[in-house]
Amino acid sequence: GWIGRSWADVVTLESRPKVVEMLRDAVALKTPRWRHLNHPGSS
């Protein structure tokens, strides 16, 4: 059910600022960096 949702909404709270930074850099066509994000788990 992720399609149509914001990427920031499917990661944990502390990962959301990283998503914002990654999107900003991607739109600016900057060299991509690897960033550690967490998704909420079922358990």
PDB file of all heavy atoms in Angstrom:
ATOM      1  N   GLY A   1       0.796  -1.225   0.000  1.00  0.00           N
ATOM      2  CA  GLY A   1       0.000   0.000   0.000  1.00  0.00           C
ATOM      3  C   GLY A   1       0.826   1.269   0.000  1.00  0.00           C
ATOM      4  O   GLY A   1       0.292   2.365   0.247  1.00  0.00           O
ATOM      5  N   TRP A   2       2.124   1.163  -0.274  1.00  0.00           N
ATOM      6  CA  TRP A   2       2.977   2.345  -0.261  1.00  0.00           C
ATOM      7  C   TRP A   2       2.741   3.261  -1.464  1.00  0.00           C
ATOM      8  O   TRP A   2       2.990   4.469  -1.364  1.00  0.00           O
ATOM      9  CB  TRP A   2       4.450   1.928  -0.272  1.00  0.00           C
ATOM     10  CG  TRP A   2       4.943   1.446   1.063  1.00  0.00           C
ATOM     11  CD1 TRP A   2       4.208   1.246   2.199  1.00  0.00           C
ATOM     12  CD2 TRP A   2       6.291   1.104   1.393  1.00  0.00           C
ATOM     13  NE1 TRP A   2       5.006   0.792   3.210  1.00  0.00           N
ATOM     14  CE2 TRP A   2       6.290   0.691   2.741  1.00  0.00           C
ATOM     15  CE3 TRP A   2       7.482   1.075   0.669  1.00  0.00           C
ATOM     16  CZ2 TRP A   2       7.458   0.283   3.385  1.00  0.00           C
ATOM     17  CZ3 TRP A   2       8.636   0.670   1.311  1.00  0.00           C
ATOM     18  CH2 TRP A   2       8.620   0.282   2.661  1.00  0.00           C
ATOM     19  N   ILE A   3       2.310   2.718  -2.576  1.00  0.00           N
ATOM     20  CA  ILE A   3       2.140   3.550  -3.773  1.00  0.00           C
ATOM     21  C   ILE A   3       1.117   4.654  -3.497  1.00  0.00           C
ATOM     22  O   ILE A   3       0.013   4.399  -3.001  1.00  0.00           O
ATOM     23  CB  ILE A   3       1.709   2.689  -4.977  1.00  0.00           C
ATOM     24  CG1 ILE A   3       2.830   1.712  -5.337  1.00  0.00           C
ATOM     25  CG2 ILE A   3       1.358   3.562  -6.174  1.00  0.00           C
ATOM     26  CD1 ILE A   3       2.487   0.761  -6.457  1.00  0.00           C
ATOM     27  N   GLY A   4       1.513   5.864  -3.784  1.00  0.00           N
ATOM     28  CA  GLY A   4       0.667   7.024  -3.519  1.00  0.00           C
ATOM     29  C   GLY A   4       0.965   7.691  -2.197  1.00  0.00           C
ATOM     30  O   GLY A   4       0.444   8.776  -1.924  1.00  0.00           O
ATOM     31  N   ARG A   5       1.820   7.062  -1.372  1.00  0.00           N
ATOM     32  CA  ARG A   5       2.176   7.650  -0.084  1.00  0.00           C
ATOM     33  C   ARG A   5       3.532   8.336  -0.177  1.00  0.00           C
ATOM     34  O   ARG A   5       4.345   8.046  -1.056  1.00  0.00           O
ATOM     35  CB  ARG A   5       2.215   6.573   1.011  1.00  0.00           C
ATOM     36  CG  ARG A   5       0.885   5.868   1.233  1.00  0.00           C
ATOM     37  CD  ARG A   5       0.997   4.870   2.376  1.00  0.00           C
ATOM     38  NE  ARG A   5       1.322   5.531   3.635  1.00  0.00           N
ATOM     39  CZ  ARG A   5       1.614   4.869   4.758  1.00  0.00           C
ATOM     40  NH1 ARG A   5       1.623   3.537   4.759  1.00  0.00           N
ATOM     41  NH2 ARG A   5       1.896   5.524   5.868  1.00  0.00           N
ATOM     42  N   SER A   6       3.794   9.212   0.759  1.00  0.00           N
ATOM     43  CA  SER A   6       5.085   9.877   0.815  1.00  0.00           C
ATOM     44  C   SER A   6       6.131   8.913   1.373  1.00  0.00           C
ATOM     45  O   SER A   6       5.858   8.132   2.290  1.00  0.00           O
ATOM     46  CB  SER A   6       4.998  11.119   1.709  1.00  0.00           C
ATOM     47  OG  SER A   6       6.284  11.654   1.965  1.00  0.00           O
ATOM     48  N   TRP A   7       7.325   8.985   0.815  1.00  0.00           N
ATOM     49  CA  TRP A   7       8.424   8.151   1.313  1.00  0.00           C
ATOM     50  C   TRP A   7       8.655   8.396   2.796  1.00  0.00           C
ATOM     51  O   TRP A   7       8.892   7.467   3.564  1.00  0.00           O
ATOM     52  CB  TRP A   7       9.678   8.476   0.495  1.00  0.00           C
ATOM     53  CG  TRP A   7      10.864   7.585   0.753  1.00  0.00           C
ATOM     54  CD1 TRP A   7      10.866   6.368   1.379  1.00  0.00           C
ATOM     55  CD2 TRP A   7      12.221   7.837   0.375  1.00  0.00           C
ATOM     56  NE1 TRP A   7      12.133   5.852   1.406  1.00  0.00           N
ATOM     57  CE2 TRP A   7      12.988   6.735   0.793  1.00  0.00           C
ATOM     58  CE3 TRP A   7      12.851   8.883  -0.298  1.00  0.00           C
ATOM     59  CZ2 TRP A   7      14.368   6.663   0.586  1.00  0.00           C
ATOM     60  CZ3 TRP A   7      14.223   8.803  -0.524  1.00  0.00           C
ATOM     61  CH2 TRP A   7      14.973   7.709  -0.079  1.00  0.00           C
ATOM     62  N   ALA A   8       8.556   9.648   3.220  1.00  0.00           N
ATOM     63  CA  ALA A   8       8.785   9.991   4.624  1.00  0.00           C
ATOM     64  C   ALA A   8       7.759   9.346   5.547  1.00  0.00           C
ATOM     65  O   ALA A   8       8.035   9.138   6.735  1.00  0.00           O
ATOM     66  CB  ALA A   8       8.768  11.511   4.800  1.00  0.00           C
ATOM     67  N   ASP A   9       6.587   9.010   5.010  1.00  0.00           N
ATOM     68  CA  ASP A   9       5.536   8.428   5.844  1.00  0.00           C
ATOM     69  C   ASP A   9       5.727   6.938   6.099  1.00  0.00           C
ATOM     70  O   ASP A   9       5.044   6.374   6.965  1.00  0.00           O
ATOM     71  CB  ASP A   9       4.159   8.654   5.200  1.00  0.00           C
ATOM     72  CG  ASP A   9       3.731  10.106   5.263  1.00  0.00           C
ATOM     73  OD1 ASP A   9       4.293  10.856   6.089  1.00  0.00           O
ATOM     74  OD2 ASP A   9       2.834  10.491   4.477  1.00  0.00           O
ATOM     75  N   VAL A  10       6.614   6.290   5.349  1.00  0.00           N
ATOM     76  CA  VAL A  10       6.786   4.841   5.509  1.00  0.00           C
ATOM     77  C   VAL A  10       8.089   4.499   6.212  1.00  0.00           C
ATOM     78  O   VAL A  10       8.464   3.329   6.304  1.00  0.00           O
ATOM     79  CB  VAL A  10       6.696   4.112   4.151  1.00  0.00           C
ATOM     80  CG1 VAL A  10       5.346   4.366   3.500  1.00  0.00           C
ATOM     81  CG2 VAL A  10       7.845   4.505   3.229  1.00  0.00           C
ATOM     82  N   VAL A  11       8.792   5.516   6.720  1.00  0.00           N
ATOM     83  CA  VAL A  11       9.996   5.284   7.515  1.00  0.00           C
ATOM     84  C   VAL A  11       9.721   5.732   8.943  1.00  0.00           C
ATOM     85  O   VAL A  11       8.703   6.373   9.238  1.00  0.00           O
ATOM     86  CB  VAL A  11      11.222   6.034   6.940  1.00  0.00           C
ATOM     87  CG1 VAL A  11      11.525   5.559   5.523  1.00  0.00           C
ATOM     88  CG2 VAL A  11      10.999   7.545   6.958  1.00  0.00           C
ATOM     89  N   THR A  12      10.623   5.392   9.851  1.00  0.00           N
ATOM     90  CA  THR A  12      10.459   5.777  11.245  1.00  0.00           C
ATOM     91  C   THR A  12      10.697   7.277  11.410  1.00  0.00           C
ATOM     92  O   THR A  12      11.287   7.930  10.545  1.00  0.00           O
ATOM     93  CB  THR A  12      11.431   5.004  12.145  1.00  0.00           C
ATOM     94  OG1 THR A  12      12.778   5.220  11.683  1.00  0.00           O
ATOM     95  CG2 THR A  12      11.118   3.508  12.118  1.00  0.00           C
ATOM     96  N   LEU A  13      10.253   7.800  12.535  1.00  0.00           N
ATOM     97  CA  LEU A  13      10.288   9.247  12.767  1.00  0.00           C
ATOM     98  C   LEU A  13      11.694   9.818  12.639  1.00  0.00           C
ATOM     99  O   LEU A  13      11.900  10.868  12.018  1.00  0.00           O
ATOM    100  CB  LEU A  13       9.715   9.552  14.155  1.00  0.00           C
ATOM    101  CG  LEU A  13       9.562  11.030  14.526  1.00  0.00           C
ATOM    102  CD1 LEU A  13       8.598  11.719  13.580  1.00  0.00           C
ATOM    103  CD2 LEU A  13       9.078  11.162  15.970  1.00  0.00           C
ATOM    104  N   GLU A  14      12.689   9.124  13.207  1.00  0.00           N
ATOM    105  CA  GLU A  14      14.048   9.669  13.187  1.00  0.00           C
ATOM    106  C   GLU A  14      14.676   9.606  11.797  1.00  0.00           C
ATOM    107  O   GLU A  14      15.688  10.277  11.541  1.00  0.00           O
ATOM    108  CB  GLU A  14      14.945   8.928  14.184  1.00  0.00           C
ATOM    109  CG  GLU A  14      15.282   7.487  13.837  1.00  0.00           C
ATOM    110  CD  GLU A  14      14.213   6.500  14.265  1.00  0.00           C
ATOM    111  OE1 GLU A  14      13.149   6.945  14.753  1.00  0.00           O
ATOM    112  OE2 GLU A  14      14.441   5.290  14.122  1.00  0.00           O
ATOM    113  N   SER A  15      14.084   8.818  10.889  1.00  0.00           N
ATOM    114  CA  SER A  15      14.632   8.712   9.537  1.00  0.00           C
ATOM    115  C   SER A  15      14.079   9.783   8.596  1.00  0.00           C
ATOM    116  O   SER A  15      14.633   9.998   7.505  1.00  0.00           O
ATOM    117  CB  SER A  15      14.325   7.326   8.942  1.00  0.00           C
ATOM    118  OG  SER A  15      14.974   6.297   9.664  1.00  0.00           O
ATOM    119  N   ARG A  16      13.015  10.450   8.978  1.00  0.00           N
ATOM    120  CA  ARG A  16      12.363  11.398   8.073  1.00  0.00           C
ATOM    121  C   ARG A  16      13.244  12.574   7.657  1.00  0.00           C
ATOM    122  O   ARG A  16      13.228  12.974   6.487  1.00  0.00           O
ATOM    123  CB  ARG A  16      11.056  11.890   8.703  1.00  0.00           C
ATOM    124  CG  ARG A  16      10.009  10.782   8.786  1.00  0.00           C
ATOM    125  CD  ARG A  16       8.733  11.214   9.473  1.00  0.00           C
ATOM    126  NE  ARG A  16       7.801  10.084   9.566  1.00  0.00           N
ATOM    127  CZ  ARG A  16       6.625  10.139  10.179  1.00  0.00           C
ATOM    128  NH1 ARG A  16       6.221  11.293  10.727  1.00  0.00           N
ATOM    129  NH2 ARG A  16       5.858   9.076  10.221  1.00  0.00           N
ATOM    130  N   PRO A  17      14.041  13.175   8.569  1.00  0.00           N
ATOM    131  CA  PRO A  17      14.920  14.263   8.106  1.00  0.00           C
ATOM    132  C   PRO A  17      15.913  13.801   7.044  1.00  0.00           C
ATOM    133  O   PRO A  17      16.257  14.572   6.138  1.00  0.00           O
ATOM    134  CB  PRO A  17      15.644  14.692   9.398  1.00  0.00           C
ATOM    135  CG  PRO A  17      14.712  14.298  10.507  1.00  0.00           C
ATOM    136  CD  PRO A  17      14.072  13.028  10.042  1.00  0.00           C
ATOM    137  N   LYS A  18      16.368  12.560   7.120  1.00  0.00           N
ATOM    138  CA  LYS A  18      17.282  12.037   6.100  1.00  0.00           C
ATOM    139  C   LYS A  18      16.580  11.933   4.747  1.00  0.00           C
ATOM    140  O   LYS A  18      17.177  12.227   3.706  1.00  0.00           O
ATOM    141  CB  LYS A  18      17.816  10.664   6.516  1.00  0.00           C
ATOM    142  CG  LYS A  18      18.631  10.658   7.800  1.00  0.00           C
ATOM    143  CD  LYS A  18      19.099   9.242   8.116  1.00  0.00           C
ATOM    144  CE  LYS A  18      19.794   9.174   9.449  1.00  0.00           C
ATOM    145  NZ  LYS A  18      20.228   7.788   9.790  1.00  0.00           N
ATOM    146  N   VAL A  19      15.314  11.517   4.767  1.00  0.00           N
ATOM    147  CA  VAL A  19      14.549  11.426   3.526  1.00  0.00           C
ATOM    148  C   VAL A  19      14.448  12.806   2.872  1.00  0.00           C
ATOM    149  O   VAL A  19      14.635  12.951   1.660  1.00  0.00           O
ATOM    150  CB  VAL A  19      13.148  10.839   3.789  1.00  0.00           C
ATOM    151  CG1 VAL A  19      12.254  10.998   2.565  1.00  0.00           C
ATOM    152  CG2 VAL A  19      13.244   9.367   4.179  1.00  0.00           C
ATOM    153  N   VAL A  20      14.148  13.811   3.667  1.00  0.00           N
ATOM    154  CA  VAL A  20      14.032  15.183   3.140  1.00  0.00           C
ATOM    155  C   VAL A  20      15.344  15.611   2.492  1.00  0.00           C
ATOM    156  O   VAL A  20      15.362  16.182   1.392  1.00  0.00           O
ATOM    157  CB  VAL A  20      13.638  16.154   4.272  1.00  0.00           C
ATOM    158  CG1 VAL A  20      13.682  17.602   3.773  1.00  0.00           C
ATOM    159  CG2 VAL A  20      12.245  15.822   4.804  1.00  0.00           C
ATOM    160  N   GLU A  21      16.467  15.337   3.150  1.00  0.00           N
ATOM    161  CA  GLU A  21      17.767  15.712   2.606  1.00  0.00           C
ATOM    162  C   GLU A  21      18.066  14.959   1.316  1.00  0.00           C
ATOM    163  O   GLU A  21      18.580  15.541   0.342  1.00  0.00           O
ATOM    164  CB  GLU A  21      18.860  15.435   3.640  1.00  0.00           C
ATOM    165  CG  GLU A  21      18.781  16.310   4.883  1.00  0.00           C
ATOM    166  CD  GLU A  21      19.812  15.910   5.919  1.00  0.00           C
ATOM    167  OE1 GLU A  21      20.636  15.013   5.619  1.00  0.00           O
ATOM    168  OE2 GLU A  21      19.800  16.477   7.025  1.00  0.00           O
ATOM    169  N   MET A  22      17.746  13.665   1.290  1.00  0.00           N
ATOM    170  CA  MET A  22      18.019  12.860   0.100  1.00  0.00           C
ATOM    171  C   MET A  22      17.193  13.315  -1.087  1.00  0.00           C
ATOM    172  O   MET A  22      17.687  13.392  -2.224  1.00  0.00           O
ATOM    173  CB  MET A  22      17.762  11.380   0.406  1.00  0.00           C
ATOM    174  CG  MET A  22      18.722  10.796   1.431  1.00  0.00           C
ATOM    175  SD  MET A  22      18.266   9.121   1.946  1.00  0.00           S
ATOM    176  CE  MET A  22      18.685   8.196   0.467  1.00  0.00           C
ATOM    177  N   LEU A  23      15.935  13.656  -0.845  1.00  0.00           N
ATOM    178  CA  LEU A  23      15.083  14.147  -1.927  1.00  0.00           C
ATOM    179  C   LEU A  23      15.599  15.485  -2.464  1.00  0.00           C
ATOM    180  O   LEU A  23      15.638  15.715  -3.678  1.00  0.00           O
ATOM    181  CB  LEU A  23      13.643  14.298  -1.439  1.00  0.00           C
ATOM    182  CG  LEU A  23      12.891  12.996  -1.134  1.00  0.00           C
ATOM    183  CD1 LEU A  23      11.557  13.305  -0.464  1.00  0.00           C
ATOM    184  CD2 LEU A  23      12.683  12.181  -2.417  1.00  0.00           C
ATOM    185  N   ARG A  24      15.996  16.357  -1.552  1.00  0.00           N
ATOM    186  CA  ARG A  24      16.511  17.666  -1.972  1.00  0.00           C
ATOM    187  C   ARG A  24      17.764  17.503  -2.829  1.00  0.00           C
ATOM    188  O   ARG A  24      17.904  18.154  -3.871  1.00  0.00           O
ATOM    189  CB  ARG A  24      16.821  18.516  -0.735  1.00  0.00           C
ATOM    190  CG  ARG A  24      17.307  19.929  -1.083  1.00  0.00           C
ATOM    191  CD  ARG A  24      17.574  20.762   0.152  1.00  0.00           C
ATOM    192  NE  ARG A  24      18.627  20.175   0.966  1.00  0.00           N
ATOM    193  CZ  ARG A  24      18.461  19.783   2.215  1.00  0.00           C
ATOM    194  NH1 ARG A  24      17.277  19.895   2.810  1.00  0.00           N
ATOM    195  NH2 ARG A  24      19.469  19.276   2.899  1.00  0.00           N
ATOM    196  N   ASP A  25      18.674  16.624  -2.404  1.00  0.00           N
ATOM    197  CA  ASP A  25      19.904  16.415  -3.167  1.00  0.00           C
ATOM    198  C   ASP A  25      19.615  15.752  -4.518  1.00  0.00           C
ATOM    199  O   ASP A  25      20.261  16.068  -5.531  1.00  0.00           O
ATOM    200  CB  ASP A  25      20.881  15.537  -2.369  1.00  0.00           C
ATOM    201  CG  ASP A  25      21.457  16.256  -1.156  1.00  0.00           C
ATOM    202  OD1 ASP A  25      21.303  17.495  -1.086  1.00  0.00           O
ATOM    203  OD2 ASP A  25      22.044  15.589  -0.292  1.00  0.00           O
ATOM    204  N   ALA A  26      18.647  14.832  -4.534  1.00  0.00           N
ATOM    205  CA  ALA A  26      18.318  14.144  -5.791  1.00  0.00           C
ATOM    206  C   ALA A  26      17.711  15.110  -6.801  1.00  0.00           C
ATOM    207  O   ALA A  26      18.040  15.063  -7.997  1.00  0.00           O
ATOM    208  CB  ALA A  26      17.364  12.986  -5.521  1.00  0.00           C
ATOM    209  N   VAL A  27      16.834  15.983  -6.354  1.00  0.00           N
ATOM    210  CA  VAL A  27      16.225  16.975  -7.249  1.00  0.00           C
ATOM    211  C   VAL A  27      17.299  17.909  -7.804  1.00  0.00           C
ATOM    212  O   VAL A  27      17.250  18.326  -8.967  1.00  0.00           O
ATOM    213  CB  VAL A  27      15.128  17.772  -6.503  1.00  0.00           C
ATOM    214  CG1 VAL A  27      14.678  18.967  -7.337  1.00  0.00           C
ATOM    215  CG2 VAL A  27      13.943  16.869  -6.177  1.00  0.00           C
ATOM    216  N   ALA A  28      18.298  18.216  -6.968  1.00  0.00           N
ATOM    217  CA  ALA A  28      19.395  19.094  -7.406  1.00  0.00           C
ATOM    218  C   ALA A  28      20.450  18.338  -8.203  1.00  0.00           C
ATOM    219  O   ALA A  28      21.459  18.929  -8.615  1.00  0.00           O
ATOM    220  CB  ALA A  28      20.045  19.745  -6.191  1.00  0.00           C
ATOM    221  N   LEU A  29      20.211  17.040  -8.441  1.00  0.00           N
ATOM    222  CA  LEU A  29      21.123  16.190  -9.217  1.00  0.00           C
ATOM    223  C   LEU A  29      22.521  16.139  -8.609  1.00  0.00           C
ATOM    224  O   LEU A  29      23.537  16.056  -9.308  1.00  0.00           O
ATOM    225  CB  LEU A  29      21.203  16.654 -10.675  1.00  0.00           C
ATOM    226  CG  LEU A  29      19.875  16.665 -11.452  1.00  0.00           C
ATOM    227  CD1 LEU A  29      20.107  17.149 -12.882  1.00  0.00           C
ATOM    228  CD2 LEU A  29      19.243  15.283 -11.445  1.00  0.00           C
ATOM    229  N   LYS A  30      22.582  16.176  -7.265  1.00  0.00           N
ATOM    230  CA  LYS A  30      23.863  16.054  -6.585  1.00  0.00           C
ATOM    231  C   LYS A  30      24.289  14.580  -6.549  1.00  0.00           C
ATOM    232  O   LYS A  30      23.476  13.677  -6.718  1.00  0.00           O
ATOM    233  CB  LYS A  30      23.762  16.596  -5.153  1.00  0.00           C
ATOM    234  CG  LYS A  30      23.556  18.097  -5.071  1.00  0.00           C
ATOM    235  CD  LYS A  30      23.576  18.558  -3.619  1.00  0.00           C
ATOM    236  CE  LYS A  30      23.431  20.063  -3.512  1.00  0.00           C
ATOM    237  NZ  LYS A  30      23.448  20.519  -2.084  1.00  0.00           N
ATOM    238  N   THR A  31      25.585  14.365  -6.343  1.00  0.00           N
ATOM    239  CA  THR A  31      26.094  12.999  -6.249  1.00  0.00           C
ATOM    240  C   THR A  31      25.411  12.283  -5.085  1.00  0.00           C
ATOM    241  O   THR A  31      25.437  12.778  -3.948  1.00  0.00           O
ATOM    242  CB  THR A  31      27.618  12.999  -6.012  1.00  0.00           C
ATOM    243  OG1 THR A  31      28.265  13.682  -7.092  1.00  0.00           O
ATOM    244  CG2 THR A  31      28.146  11.574  -5.923  1.00  0.00           C
ATOM    245  N   PRO A  32      24.753  11.161  -5.340  1.00  0.00           N
ATOM    246  CA  PRO A  32      24.001  10.495  -4.272  1.00  0.00           C
ATOM    247  C   PRO A  32      24.908   9.903  -3.204  1.00  0.00           C
ATOM    248  O   PRO A  32      26.036   9.491  -3.469  1.00  0.00           O
ATOM    249  CB  PRO A  32      23.234   9.397  -5.021  1.00  0.00           C
ATOM    250  CG  PRO A  32      24.023   9.138  -6.252  1.00  0.00           C
ATOM    251  CD  PRO A  32      24.638  10.447  -6.631  1.00  0.00           C
ATOM    252  N   ARG A  33      24.393   9.886  -1.972  1.00  0.00           N
ATOM    253  CA  ARG A  33      25.089   9.265  -0.847  1.00  0.00           C
ATOM    254  C   ARG A  33      24.211   8.163  -0.268  1.00  0.00           C
ATOM    255  O   ARG A  33      22.984   8.231  -0.337  1.00  0.00           O
ATOM    256  CB  ARG A  33      25.379  10.290   0.256  1.00  0.00           C
ATOM    257  CG  ARG A  33      26.351  11.389  -0.122  1.00  0.00           C
ATOM    258  CD  ARG A  33      26.599  12.285   1.083  1.00  0.00           C
ATOM    259  NE  ARG A  33      25.371  12.937   1.547  1.00  0.00           N
ATOM    260  CZ  ARG A  33      25.183  13.402   2.779  1.00  0.00           C
ATOM    261  NH1 ARG A  33      26.122  13.244   3.693  1.00  0.00           N
ATOM    262  NH2 ARG A  33      24.056  14.000   3.101  1.00  0.00           N
ATOM    263  N   TRP A  34      24.847   7.170   0.310  1.00  0.00           N
ATOM    264  CA  TRP A  34      24.097   6.116   0.989  1.00  0.00           C
ATOM    265  C   TRP A  34      23.733   6.583   2.388  1.00  0.00           C
ATOM    266  O   TRP A  34      24.582   7.087   3.130  1.00  0.00           O
ATOM    267  CB  TRP A  34      24.939   4.834   1.069  1.00  0.00           C
ATOM    268  CG  TRP A  34      25.150   4.178  -0.270  1.00  0.00           C
ATOM    269  CD1 TRP A  34      26.250   4.283  -1.062  1.00  0.00           C
ATOM    270  CD2 TRP A  34      24.224   3.336  -0.962  1.00  0.00           C
ATOM    271  NE1 TRP A  34      26.069   3.568  -2.213  1.00  0.00           N
ATOM    272  CE2 TRP A  34      24.840   2.961  -2.185  1.00  0.00           C
ATOM    273  CE3 TRP A  34      22.944   2.855  -0.678  1.00  0.00           C
ATOM    274  CZ2 TRP A  34      24.224   2.130  -3.116  1.00  0.00           C
ATOM    275  CZ3 TRP A  34      22.325   2.034  -1.602  1.00  0.00           C
ATOM    276  CH2 TRP A  34      22.956   1.676  -2.804  1.00  0.00           C
ATOM    277  N   ARG A  35      22.449   6.434   2.730  1.00  0.00           N
ATOM    278  CA  ARG A  35      21.968   6.845   4.052  1.00  0.00           C
ATOM    279  C   ARG A  35      21.178   5.705   4.682  1.00  0.00           C
ATOM    280  O   ARG A  35      20.408   5.012   4.019  1.00  0.00           O
ATOM    281  CB  ARG A  35      21.057   8.088   3.935  1.00  0.00           C
ATOM    282  CG  ARG A  35      21.695   9.290   3.254  1.00  0.00           C
ATOM    283  CD  ARG A  35      22.827   9.885   4.079  1.00  0.00           C
ATOM    284  NE  ARG A  35      22.379  10.368   5.363  1.00  0.00           N
ATOM    285  CZ  ARG A  35      21.907  11.603   5.597  1.00  0.00           C
ATOM    286  NH1 ARG A  35      21.795  12.460   4.587  1.00  0.00           N
ATOM    287  NH2 ARG A  35      21.553  11.975   6.805  1.00  0.00           N
ATOM    288  N   HIS A  36      21.369   5.542   5.964  1.00  0.00           N
ATOM    289  CA  HIS A  36      20.682   4.480   6.703  1.00  0.00           C
ATOM    290  C   HIS A  36      19.305   4.963   7.147  1.00  0.00           C
ATOM    291  O   HIS A  36      19.176   5.927   7.900  1.00  0.00           O
ATOM    292  CB  HIS A  36      21.533   4.093   7.922  1.00  0.00           C
ATOM    293  CG  HIS A  36      20.929   3.035   8.784  1.00  0.00           C
ATOM    294  ND1 HIS A  36      21.566   2.535   9.898  1.00  0.00           N
ATOM    295  CD2 HIS A  36      19.736   2.365   8.716  1.00  0.00           C
ATOM    296  CE1 HIS A  36      20.789   1.622  10.481  1.00  0.00           C
ATOM    297  NE2 HIS A  36      19.684   1.517   9.776  1.00  0.00           N
ATOM    298  N   LEU A  37      18.263   4.280   6.680  1.00  0.00           N
ATOM    299  CA  LEU A  37      16.890   4.574   7.074  1.00  0.00           C
ATOM    300  C   LEU A  37      16.287   3.329   7.725  1.00  0.00           C
ATOM    301  O   LEU A  37      16.718   2.208   7.468  1.00  0.00           O
ATOM    302  CB  LEU A  37      16.028   4.977   5.869  1.00  0.00           C
ATOM    303  CG  LEU A  37      16.526   6.128   4.996  1.00  0.00           C
ATOM    304  CD1 LEU A  37      15.541   6.369   3.851  1.00  0.00           C
ATOM    305  CD2 LEU A  37      16.736   7.395   5.805  1.00  0.00           C
ATOM    306  N   ASN A  38      15.286   3.541   8.560  1.00  0.00           N
ATOM    307  CA  ASN A  38      14.573   2.428   9.184  1.00  0.00           C
ATOM    308  C   ASN A  38      13.099   2.465   8.789  1.00  0.00           C
ATOM    309  O   ASN A  38      12.475   3.535   8.782  1.00  0.00           O
ATOM    310  CB  ASN A  38      14.681   2.493  10.717  1.00  0.00           C
ATOM    311  CG  ASN A  38      16.070   2.147  11.213  1.00  0.00           C
ATOM    312  OD1 ASN A  38      16.694   1.212  10.724  1.00  0.00           O
ATOM    313  ND2 ASN A  38      16.557   2.892  12.189  1.00  0.00           N
ATOM    314  N   HIS A  39      12.568   1.288   8.466  1.00  0.00           N
ATOM    315  CA  HIS A  39      11.134   1.132   8.261  1.00  0.00           C
ATOM    316  C   HIS A  39      10.540   0.433   9.485  1.00  0.00           C
ATOM    317  O   HIS A  39      11.181  -0.458  10.051  1.00  0.00           O
ATOM    318  CB  HIS A  39      10.843   0.286   7.014  1.00  0.00           C
ATOM    319  CG  HIS A  39      11.227   0.935   5.731  1.00  0.00           C
ATOM    320  ND1 HIS A  39      10.467   1.917   5.128  1.00  0.00           N
ATOM    321  CD2 HIS A  39      12.304   0.754   4.919  1.00  0.00           C
ATOM    322  CE1 HIS A  39      11.048   2.297   4.015  1.00  0.00           C
ATOM    323  NE2 HIS A  39      12.165   1.613   3.860  1.00  0.00           N
ATOM    324  N   PRO A  40       9.340   0.812   9.908  1.00  0.00           N
ATOM    325  CA  PRO A  40       8.718   0.116  11.038  1.00  0.00           C
ATOM    326  C   PRO A  40       8.512  -1.360  10.704  1.00  0.00           C
ATOM    327  O   PRO A  40       8.070  -1.715   9.608  1.00  0.00           O
ATOM    328  CB  PRO A  40       7.375   0.840  11.211  1.00  0.00           C
ATOM    329  CG  PRO A  40       7.564   2.172  10.543  1.00  0.00           C
ATOM    330  CD  PRO A  40       8.502   1.918   9.406  1.00  0.00           C
ATOM    331  N   GLY A  41       8.848  -2.240  11.657  1.00  0.00           N
ATOM    332  CA  GLY A  41       8.677  -3.676  11.459  1.00  0.00           C
ATOM    333  C   GLY A  41       7.407  -4.179  12.101  1.00  0.00           C
ATOM    334  O   GLY A  41       6.814  -3.524  12.961  1.00  0.00           O
ATOM    335  N   SER A  42       6.981  -5.352  11.691  1.00  0.00           N
ATOM    336  CA  SER A  42       5.723  -5.909  12.194  1.00  0.00           C
ATOM    337  C   SER A  42       5.823  -6.363  13.640  1.00  0.00           C
ATOM    338  O   SER A  42       4.840  -6.361  14.367  1.00  0.00           O
ATOM    339  CB  SER A  42       5.292  -7.093  11.316  1.00  0.00           C
ATOM    340  OG  SER A  42       6.307  -8.076  11.274  1.00  0.00           O
ATOM    341  N   SER A  43       7.009  -6.756  14.092  1.00  0.00           N
ATOM    342  CA  SER A  43       7.171  -7.270  15.459  1.00  0.00           C
ATOM    343  C   SER A  43       7.732  -6.227  16.411  1.00  0.00           C
ATOM    344  O   SER A  43       8.172  -6.553  17.506  1.00  0.00           O
ATOM    345  CB  SER A  43       8.088  -8.499  15.443  1.00  0.00           C
ATOM    346  OG  SER A  43       9.367  -8.147  14.932  1.00  0.00           O
TER     347      SER A  43
END
